[in-house]
Amino acid sequence: QFGFDTSLWFQQQVLLPFFKQHLKDGKSAGLARATMFETGANRWREFAQWPPKEGQDTTLYFGANQRLLTQPEAQGGYADYISDPKKPVPHSAK
């Protein structure tokens, strides 16, 4: 889907060096403070801090049909959010 195995990349380029540094020899792995995958651009990004300096806060609103919007809907939008501790992540069965 992303053109490469993002999980394998993360394991080899981030997790393995992190564990070697913190669980094995203690030598700096030279990792960025934060590493994240930017889905729309299909690339990994590294940041010296989190949240990144160039980040921008965005207010999100619940919309009809389970959409997230950057502006509230004129007709009032979506007013409910399902939170069930027994099912912490809402999902659809396949």
N, C-alpha and C. Protein backbone atom coordinates (compact mmCIF):
# COMPACT_ATOMS: atom_id res chain seq x y z
N GLN A 1 0.82 -1.19 0.00
CA GLN A 1 0.00 0.00 0.00
C GLN A 1 0.87 1.26 0.00
N PHE A 2 1.98 1.28 0.71
CA PHE A 2 2.82 2.46 0.80
C PHE A 2 4.05 2.39 -0.09
N GLY A 3 4.18 1.33 -0.87
CA GLY A 3 5.32 1.20 -1.76
C GLY A 3 6.52 0.52 -1.12
N PHE A 4 6.49 0.33 0.20
CA PHE A 4 7.55 -0.37 0.91
C PHE A 4 7.01 -0.82 2.25
N ASP A 5 7.71 -1.71 2.90
CA ASP A 5 7.29 -2.26 4.19
C ASP A 5 7.62 -1.27 5.30
N THR A 6 6.65 -0.44 5.66
CA THR A 6 6.89 0.60 6.67
C THR A 6 7.22 0.01 8.04
N SER A 7 6.61 -1.12 8.36
CA SER A 7 6.88 -1.76 9.65
C SER A 7 8.32 -2.26 9.72
N LEU A 8 8.78 -2.90 8.66
CA LEU A 8 10.16 -3.40 8.63
C LEU A 8 11.15 -2.24 8.72
N TRP A 9 10.89 -1.16 7.98
CA TRP A 9 11.76 0.01 8.03
C TRP A 9 11.85 0.53 9.47
N PHE A 10 10.71 0.67 10.14
CA PHE A 10 10.69 1.18 11.51
C PHE A 10 11.45 0.25 12.45
N GLN A 11 11.26 -1.05 12.29
CA GLN A 11 11.95 -2.01 13.14
C GLN A 11 13.47 -1.92 12.96
N GLN A 12 13.92 -1.84 11.71
CA GLN A 12 15.36 -1.84 11.43
C GLN A 12 16.02 -0.49 11.70
N GLN A 13 15.34 0.60 11.36
CA GLN A 13 15.95 1.92 11.44
C GLN A 13 15.70 2.66 12.75
N VAL A 14 14.67 2.26 13.50
CA VAL A 14 14.36 2.97 14.75
C VAL A 14 14.41 2.03 15.96
N LEU A 15 13.61 0.97 15.94
CA LEU A 15 13.54 0.10 17.12
C LEU A 15 14.86 -0.60 17.43
N LEU A 16 15.47 -1.23 16.44
CA LEU A 16 16.72 -1.95 16.68
C LEU A 16 17.81 -1.03 17.23
N PRO A 17 18.07 0.14 16.60
CA PRO A 17 19.07 1.04 17.18
C PRO A 17 18.70 1.52 18.59
N PHE A 18 17.41 1.79 18.82
CA PHE A 18 16.95 2.22 20.14
C PHE A 18 17.24 1.15 21.19
N PHE A 19 16.86 -0.09 20.90
CA PHE A 19 17.09 -1.17 21.86
C PHE A 19 18.58 -1.45 22.06
N LYS A 20 19.37 -1.36 21.00
CA LYS A 20 20.81 -1.54 21.16
C LYS A 20 21.38 -0.49 22.10
N GLN A 21 20.91 0.76 21.95
CA GLN A 21 21.41 1.84 22.79
C GLN A 21 20.98 1.65 24.24
N HIS A 22 19.71 1.37 24.46
CA HIS A 22 19.19 1.36 25.82
C HIS A 22 19.28 0.02 26.54
N LEU A 23 19.40 -1.08 25.80
CA LEU A 23 19.43 -2.38 26.45
C LEU A 23 20.76 -3.12 26.30
N LYS A 24 21.63 -2.62 25.43
CA LYS A 24 22.85 -3.38 25.19
C LYS A 24 24.10 -2.58 25.55
N ASP A 25 24.62 -1.79 24.61
CA ASP A 25 25.93 -1.18 24.84
C ASP A 25 25.91 0.28 25.29
N GLY A 26 24.77 0.94 25.24
CA GLY A 26 24.69 2.31 25.71
C GLY A 26 25.22 3.36 24.76
N LYS A 27 25.79 2.96 23.61
CA LYS A 27 26.28 3.94 22.64
C LYS A 27 25.10 4.63 21.97
N SER A 28 25.24 5.92 21.74
CA SER A 28 24.16 6.69 21.12
C SER A 28 23.79 6.13 19.76
N ALA A 29 22.50 5.96 19.54
CA ALA A 29 22.01 5.45 18.26
C ALA A 29 21.84 6.59 17.26
N GLY A 30 21.95 7.83 17.72
CA GLY A 30 21.81 8.98 16.83
C GLY A 30 20.41 9.14 16.27
N LEU A 31 19.42 8.70 17.03
CA LEU A 31 18.04 8.79 16.56
C LEU A 31 17.47 10.18 16.78
N ALA A 32 16.52 10.54 15.93
CA ALA A 32 15.80 11.80 16.10
C ALA A 32 14.94 11.69 17.36
N ARG A 33 14.59 12.82 17.93
CA ARG A 33 13.74 12.84 19.13
C ARG A 33 12.37 12.22 18.84
N ALA A 34 11.88 12.42 17.61
CA ALA A 34 10.59 11.86 17.20
C ALA A 34 10.67 11.43 15.74
N THR A 35 10.15 10.25 15.45
CA THR A 35 10.08 9.74 14.09
C THR A 35 8.64 9.34 13.83
N MET A 36 8.06 9.84 12.74
CA MET A 36 6.67 9.53 12.43
C MET A 36 6.49 9.29 10.94
N PHE A 37 5.47 8.54 10.60
CA PHE A 37 5.17 8.25 9.20
C PHE A 37 4.08 9.19 8.74
N GLU A 38 4.34 9.92 7.67
CA GLU A 38 3.37 10.85 7.09
C GLU A 38 2.62 10.09 5.99
N THR A 39 1.43 9.64 6.31
CA THR A 39 0.67 8.76 5.43
C THR A 39 0.42 9.37 4.05
N GLY A 40 -0.05 10.59 3.98
CA GLY A 40 -0.37 11.21 2.69
C GLY A 40 0.83 11.33 1.76
N ALA A 41 2.01 11.50 2.33
CA ALA A 41 3.23 11.65 1.52
C ALA A 41 4.00 10.33 1.39
N ASN A 42 3.56 9.29 2.11
CA ASN A 42 4.22 7.98 2.09
C ASN A 42 5.71 8.08 2.42
N ARG A 43 6.02 8.77 3.51
CA ARG A 43 7.43 8.91 3.90
C ARG A 43 7.56 9.02 5.42
N TRP A 44 8.74 8.65 5.89
CA TRP A 44 9.07 8.81 7.30
C TRP A 44 9.65 10.20 7.50
N ARG A 45 9.33 10.83 8.62
CA ARG A 45 9.87 12.15 8.95
C ARG A 45 10.51 12.09 10.33
N GLU A 46 11.59 12.83 10.49
CA GLU A 46 12.29 12.90 11.77
C GLU A 46 12.25 14.33 12.29
N PHE A 47 12.08 14.46 13.60
CA PHE A 47 11.98 15.78 14.22
C PHE A 47 12.88 15.85 15.45
N ALA A 48 13.45 17.01 15.68
CA ALA A 48 14.31 17.23 16.84
C ALA A 48 13.49 17.35 18.12
N GLN A 49 12.20 17.62 18.00
CA GLN A 49 11.31 17.73 19.17
C GLN A 49 9.91 17.33 18.76
N TRP A 50 9.05 17.02 19.78
CA TRP A 50 7.65 16.72 19.52
C TRP A 50 6.79 17.49 20.50
N PRO A 51 5.80 18.23 20.05
CA PRO A 51 5.45 18.41 18.64
C PRO A 51 6.51 19.23 17.91
N PRO A 52 6.60 19.07 16.59
CA PRO A 52 7.61 19.80 15.82
C PRO A 52 7.36 21.31 15.86
N LYS A 53 8.46 22.07 15.77
CA LYS A 53 8.34 23.54 15.78
C LYS A 53 7.42 24.03 14.67
N GLU A 54 7.52 23.39 13.50
CA GLU A 54 6.72 23.84 12.36
C GLU A 54 5.28 23.33 12.42
N GLY A 55 4.94 22.60 13.50
CA GLY A 55 3.58 22.08 13.65
C GLY A 55 2.58 23.19 13.86
N GLN A 56 1.34 22.88 13.61
CA GLN A 56 0.27 23.86 13.74
C GLN A 56 -0.91 23.20 14.43
N ASP A 57 -1.38 23.80 15.54
CA ASP A 57 -2.55 23.27 16.22
C ASP A 57 -3.78 23.43 15.33
N THR A 58 -4.61 22.41 15.30
CA THR A 58 -5.83 22.45 14.50
C THR A 58 -6.98 21.93 15.35
N THR A 59 -8.04 22.71 15.48
CA THR A 59 -9.23 22.27 16.19
C THR A 59 -10.04 21.39 15.25
N LEU A 60 -10.47 20.24 15.75
CA LEU A 60 -11.27 19.32 14.94
C LEU A 60 -12.67 19.21 15.53
N TYR A 61 -13.66 19.07 14.66
CA TYR A 61 -15.06 18.96 15.05
C TYR A 61 -15.63 17.66 14.50
N PHE A 62 -16.52 17.03 15.28
CA PHE A 62 -17.22 15.86 14.78
C PHE A 62 -18.25 16.31 13.76
N GLY A 63 -18.30 15.62 12.63
CA GLY A 63 -19.28 15.93 11.60
C GLY A 63 -20.19 14.74 11.35
N ALA A 64 -21.19 14.95 10.50
CA ALA A 64 -22.10 13.87 10.12
C ALA A 64 -21.32 12.76 9.44
N ASN A 65 -21.85 11.54 9.51
CA ASN A 65 -21.24 10.37 8.88
C ASN A 65 -19.82 10.10 9.39
N GLN A 66 -19.60 10.37 10.66
CA GLN A 66 -18.33 10.08 11.34
C GLN A 66 -17.13 10.78 10.71
N ARG A 67 -17.33 12.00 10.24
CA ARG A 67 -16.23 12.77 9.66
C ARG A 67 -15.64 13.70 10.71
N LEU A 68 -14.35 14.02 10.53
CA LEU A 68 -13.70 15.06 11.33
C LEU A 68 -13.55 16.28 10.43
N LEU A 69 -13.92 17.43 10.95
CA LEU A 69 -13.91 18.67 10.16
C LEU A 69 -13.07 19.73 10.86
N THR A 70 -12.54 20.67 10.09
CA THR A 70 -11.79 21.78 10.67
C THR A 70 -12.69 22.98 10.97
N GLN A 71 -13.92 22.95 10.50
CA GLN A 71 -14.92 23.98 10.80
C GLN A 71 -16.19 23.28 11.27
N PRO A 72 -16.92 23.86 12.24
CA PRO A 72 -18.17 23.21 12.67
C PRO A 72 -19.20 23.24 11.54
N GLU A 73 -20.03 22.20 11.47
CA GLU A 73 -21.08 22.15 10.46
C GLU A 73 -22.19 23.13 10.81
N ALA A 74 -22.81 23.70 9.80
CA ALA A 74 -23.89 24.67 10.00
C ALA A 74 -25.09 24.02 10.70
N GLN A 75 -25.40 22.76 10.39
CA GLN A 75 -26.56 22.09 10.98
C GLN A 75 -26.26 21.42 12.31
N GLY A 76 -25.19 21.77 12.95
CA GLY A 76 -24.92 21.26 14.29
C GLY A 76 -23.95 20.10 14.36
N GLY A 77 -23.81 19.35 13.31
CA GLY A 77 -22.81 18.29 13.29
C GLY A 77 -23.15 17.10 14.16
N TYR A 78 -22.16 16.33 14.44
CA TYR A 78 -22.27 15.08 15.17
C TYR A 78 -22.02 15.36 16.64
N ALA A 79 -22.92 14.91 17.51
CA ALA A 79 -22.82 15.27 18.92
C ALA A 79 -22.45 14.11 19.85
N ASP A 80 -22.30 12.89 19.32
CA ASP A 80 -22.02 11.74 20.17
C ASP A 80 -20.65 11.14 19.85
N TYR A 81 -20.08 10.54 20.88
CA TYR A 81 -18.82 9.82 20.71
C TYR A 81 -18.92 8.54 21.54
N ILE A 82 -18.71 7.40 20.93
CA ILE A 82 -18.82 6.12 21.63
C ILE A 82 -17.53 5.86 22.41
N SER A 83 -17.68 5.63 23.71
CA SER A 83 -16.54 5.28 24.54
C SER A 83 -16.95 4.11 25.42
N ASP A 84 -16.38 2.95 25.17
CA ASP A 84 -16.71 1.74 25.92
C ASP A 84 -15.42 1.11 26.42
N PRO A 85 -15.14 1.16 27.73
CA PRO A 85 -13.89 0.60 28.26
C PRO A 85 -13.69 -0.88 27.90
N LYS A 86 -14.79 -1.61 27.68
CA LYS A 86 -14.67 -3.02 27.30
C LYS A 86 -14.27 -3.18 25.84
N LYS A 87 -14.50 -2.14 25.05
CA LYS A 87 -14.11 -2.11 23.63
C LYS A 87 -13.46 -0.75 23.38
N PRO A 88 -12.20 -0.57 23.81
CA PRO A 88 -11.57 0.76 23.78
C PRO A 88 -11.34 1.34 22.39
N VAL A 89 -11.32 0.51 21.35
CA VAL A 89 -11.09 1.04 20.00
C VAL A 89 -12.27 0.65 19.12
N PRO A 90 -13.16 1.60 18.80
CA PRO A 90 -14.29 1.25 17.92
C PRO A 90 -13.78 0.76 16.56
N HIS A 91 -14.39 -0.29 16.06
CA HIS A 91 -14.00 -0.82 14.75
C HIS A 91 -15.16 -1.57 14.13
N SER A 92 -15.07 -1.80 12.85
CA SER A 92 -16.07 -2.58 12.13
C SER A 92 -15.53 -3.98 11.91
N ALA A 93 -16.37 -4.98 12.11
CA ALA A 93 -15.95 -6.36 11.86
C ALA A 93 -15.74 -6.56 10.37
N LYS A 94 -14.72 -7.36 10.02
CA LYS A 94 -14.44 -7.61 8.60
C LYS A 94 -15.32 -8.70 8.06
